[in-house]
């Protein structure tokens, strides 16, 4: 019977404060800044979509009368 390989999660190394700060500045912070812009654009897109949907409902309602 085939078995799934186990993950080697018990072979971790502690990071020094300098390594942790370097990782934060070079990896984590740029990703976080990019996510903030992405969320802002997606929020505007979602609000615009709801507005256009309501506009379509209004146009359809007034076109029938």
N, C-alpha and C. Protein backbone atom coordinates (compact mmCIF):
# COMPACT_ATOMS: atom_id res chain seq x y z
N UNK A 1 0.84 -1.17 0.00
CA UNK A 1 0.00 0.00 0.00
C UNK A 1 0.90 1.25 0.00
N UNK A 2 0.58 2.21 -0.84
CA UNK A 2 1.36 3.43 -0.93
C UNK A 2 1.08 4.32 0.28
N UNK A 3 2.12 5.02 0.72
CA UNK A 3 1.98 5.93 1.85
C UNK A 3 2.47 7.31 1.45
N UNK A 4 1.83 8.32 1.99
CA UNK A 4 2.25 9.69 1.74
C UNK A 4 3.49 9.99 2.58
N UNK A 5 4.44 10.69 1.97
CA UNK A 5 5.65 11.05 2.70
C UNK A 5 5.32 12.05 3.80
N UNK A 6 6.04 11.94 4.91
CA UNK A 6 5.84 12.87 6.01
C UNK A 6 6.60 14.16 5.75
N UNK A 7 6.03 15.26 6.20
CA UNK A 7 6.71 16.55 6.08
C UNK A 7 7.80 16.65 7.14
N UNK A 8 8.91 17.24 6.77
CA UNK A 8 10.03 17.39 7.68
C UNK A 8 9.93 18.74 8.40
N UNK A 9 8.90 18.92 9.20
CA UNK A 9 8.69 20.19 9.88
C UNK A 9 9.48 20.31 11.17
N UNK A 10 10.10 19.25 11.60
CA UNK A 10 10.84 19.29 12.85
C UNK A 10 12.30 19.69 12.66
N UNK A 11 12.68 20.10 11.47
CA UNK A 11 14.07 20.48 11.18
C UNK A 11 14.16 21.99 10.95
N UNK A 12 13.58 22.75 11.84
CA UNK A 12 13.59 24.20 11.69
C UNK A 12 14.81 24.79 12.39
N UNK A 13 15.17 25.99 12.00
CA UNK A 13 16.29 26.71 12.61
C UNK A 13 15.77 28.04 13.14
N UNK A 14 16.27 28.44 14.29
CA UNK A 14 15.90 29.73 14.86
C UNK A 14 16.62 30.83 14.08
N UNK A 15 15.91 31.91 13.82
CA UNK A 15 16.50 33.05 13.12
C UNK A 15 17.01 34.06 14.14
N UNK A 16 18.11 34.70 13.80
CA UNK A 16 18.62 35.75 14.66
C UNK A 16 17.75 36.99 14.47
N UNK A 17 17.79 37.93 15.41
CA UNK A 17 17.00 39.16 15.23
C UNK A 17 17.36 39.90 13.94
N UNK A 18 18.62 39.84 13.54
CA UNK A 18 19.04 40.52 12.31
C UNK A 18 18.43 39.83 11.09
N UNK A 19 18.43 38.50 11.08
CA UNK A 19 17.82 37.76 9.97
C UNK A 19 16.32 37.99 9.91
N UNK A 20 15.67 38.05 11.07
CA UNK A 20 14.23 38.31 11.09
C UNK A 20 13.93 39.71 10.57
N UNK A 21 14.73 40.69 10.95
CA UNK A 21 14.51 42.07 10.48
C UNK A 21 14.76 42.16 8.97
N UNK A 22 15.80 41.48 8.49
CA UNK A 22 16.09 41.48 7.05
C UNK A 22 14.94 40.84 6.27
N UNK A 23 14.41 39.72 6.77
CA UNK A 23 13.29 39.05 6.11
C UNK A 23 12.07 39.96 6.09
N UNK A 24 11.83 40.66 7.20
CA UNK A 24 10.68 41.56 7.26
C UNK A 24 10.81 42.68 6.23
N UNK A 25 11.99 43.30 6.18
CA UNK A 25 12.18 44.46 5.29
C UNK A 25 12.24 44.06 3.82
N UNK A 26 12.84 42.91 3.51
CA UNK A 26 13.06 42.53 2.11
C UNK A 26 11.97 41.64 1.53
N UNK A 27 11.20 40.99 2.37
CA UNK A 27 10.21 40.05 1.85
C UNK A 27 8.79 40.40 2.30
N UNK A 28 8.58 40.53 3.59
CA UNK A 28 7.24 40.69 4.11
C UNK A 28 6.64 42.07 3.86
N UNK A 29 7.40 43.12 4.11
CA UNK A 29 6.88 44.48 3.95
C UNK A 29 6.51 44.80 2.49
N UNK A 30 7.35 44.47 1.49
CA UNK A 30 6.93 44.73 0.10
C UNK A 30 5.66 43.97 -0.29
N UNK A 31 5.52 42.73 0.19
CA UNK A 31 4.30 41.99 -0.12
C UNK A 31 3.08 42.63 0.53
N UNK A 32 3.24 43.09 1.75
CA UNK A 32 2.14 43.75 2.44
C UNK A 32 1.74 45.05 1.77
N UNK A 33 2.71 45.83 1.33
CA UNK A 33 2.41 47.08 0.63
C UNK A 33 1.69 46.82 -0.68
N UNK A 34 2.09 45.78 -1.39
CA UNK A 34 1.42 45.42 -2.64
C UNK A 34 0.00 44.96 -2.40
N UNK A 35 -0.24 44.23 -1.32
CA UNK A 35 -1.58 43.76 -1.00
C UNK A 35 -2.52 44.91 -0.69
N UNK A 36 -2.01 45.95 -0.03
CA UNK A 36 -2.85 47.10 0.29
C UNK A 36 -3.36 47.77 -0.98
N UNK A 37 -2.51 47.93 -1.96
CA UNK A 37 -2.93 48.51 -3.25
C UNK A 37 -3.93 47.60 -3.95
N UNK A 38 -3.68 46.30 -3.92
CA UNK A 38 -4.57 45.34 -4.56
C UNK A 38 -5.95 45.37 -3.92
N UNK A 39 -6.02 45.41 -2.60
CA UNK A 39 -7.30 45.45 -1.90
C UNK A 39 -8.04 46.75 -2.21
N UNK A 40 -7.33 47.85 -2.30
CA UNK A 40 -7.97 49.13 -2.63
C UNK A 40 -8.59 49.08 -4.03
N UNK A 41 -7.86 48.54 -5.00
CA UNK A 41 -8.38 48.46 -6.37
C UNK A 41 -9.57 47.51 -6.42
N UNK A 42 -9.49 46.38 -5.75
CA UNK A 42 -10.60 45.42 -5.75
C UNK A 42 -11.83 45.98 -5.05
N UNK A 43 -11.66 46.79 -4.01
CA UNK A 43 -12.80 47.42 -3.34
C UNK A 43 -13.51 48.40 -4.27
N UNK A 44 -12.73 49.19 -4.98
CA UNK A 44 -13.32 50.13 -5.95
C UNK A 44 -14.05 49.36 -7.04
N UNK A 45 -13.46 48.28 -7.52
CA UNK A 45 -14.10 47.46 -8.55
C UNK A 45 -15.41 46.86 -8.05
N UNK A 46 -15.44 46.40 -6.81
CA UNK A 46 -16.65 45.80 -6.26
C UNK A 46 -17.75 46.85 -6.09
N UNK A 47 -17.41 48.02 -5.59
CA UNK A 47 -18.40 49.09 -5.44
C UNK A 47 -18.93 49.52 -6.81
N UNK A 48 -18.04 49.60 -7.80
CA UNK A 48 -18.48 49.96 -9.15
C UNK A 48 -19.41 48.90 -9.73
N UNK A 49 -19.12 47.64 -9.48
CA UNK A 49 -19.97 46.56 -9.99
C UNK A 49 -21.37 46.63 -9.39
N UNK A 50 -21.45 46.89 -8.10
CA UNK A 50 -22.76 47.01 -7.45
C UNK A 50 -23.51 48.22 -8.01
N UNK A 51 -22.80 49.33 -8.21
CA UNK A 51 -23.43 50.51 -8.79
C UNK A 51 -23.95 50.26 -10.20
N UNK A 52 -23.16 49.58 -11.02
CA UNK A 52 -23.61 49.28 -12.38
C UNK A 52 -24.78 48.30 -12.38
N UNK A 53 -24.79 47.38 -11.44
CA UNK A 53 -25.91 46.44 -11.33
C UNK A 53 -27.19 47.20 -10.97
N UNK A 54 -27.10 48.11 -10.01
CA UNK A 54 -28.28 48.91 -9.64
C UNK A 54 -28.74 49.79 -10.79
N UNK A 55 -27.79 50.35 -11.53
CA UNK A 55 -28.14 51.15 -12.70
C UNK A 55 -28.86 50.29 -13.75
N UNK A 56 -28.39 49.07 -13.96
CA UNK A 56 -29.05 48.18 -14.92
C UNK A 56 -30.47 47.85 -14.46
N UNK A 57 -30.66 47.61 -13.16
CA UNK A 57 -32.02 47.36 -12.64
C UNK A 57 -32.92 48.56 -12.90
N UNK A 58 -32.40 49.77 -12.66
CA UNK A 58 -33.19 50.98 -12.85
C UNK A 58 -33.55 51.16 -14.33
N UNK A 59 -32.59 50.93 -15.23
CA UNK A 59 -32.85 51.06 -16.66
C UNK A 59 -33.87 50.03 -17.12
N UNK A 60 -33.75 48.79 -16.68
CA UNK A 60 -34.71 47.75 -17.06
C UNK A 60 -36.09 48.09 -16.53
N UNK A 61 -36.16 48.59 -15.30
CA UNK A 61 -37.46 48.93 -14.71
C UNK A 61 -38.15 50.05 -15.47
N UNK A 62 -37.39 51.04 -15.89
CA UNK A 62 -37.99 52.18 -16.60
C UNK A 62 -38.21 51.87 -18.09
N UNK A 63 -37.56 50.89 -18.65
CA UNK A 63 -37.75 50.53 -20.05
C UNK A 63 -39.05 49.74 -20.23
N UNK A 64 -39.49 49.06 -19.19
CA UNK A 64 -40.71 48.26 -19.28
C UNK A 64 -41.95 49.13 -19.26
N UNK A 65 -41.91 50.22 -18.54
CA UNK A 65 -43.10 51.08 -18.39
C UNK A 65 -43.42 51.85 -19.62
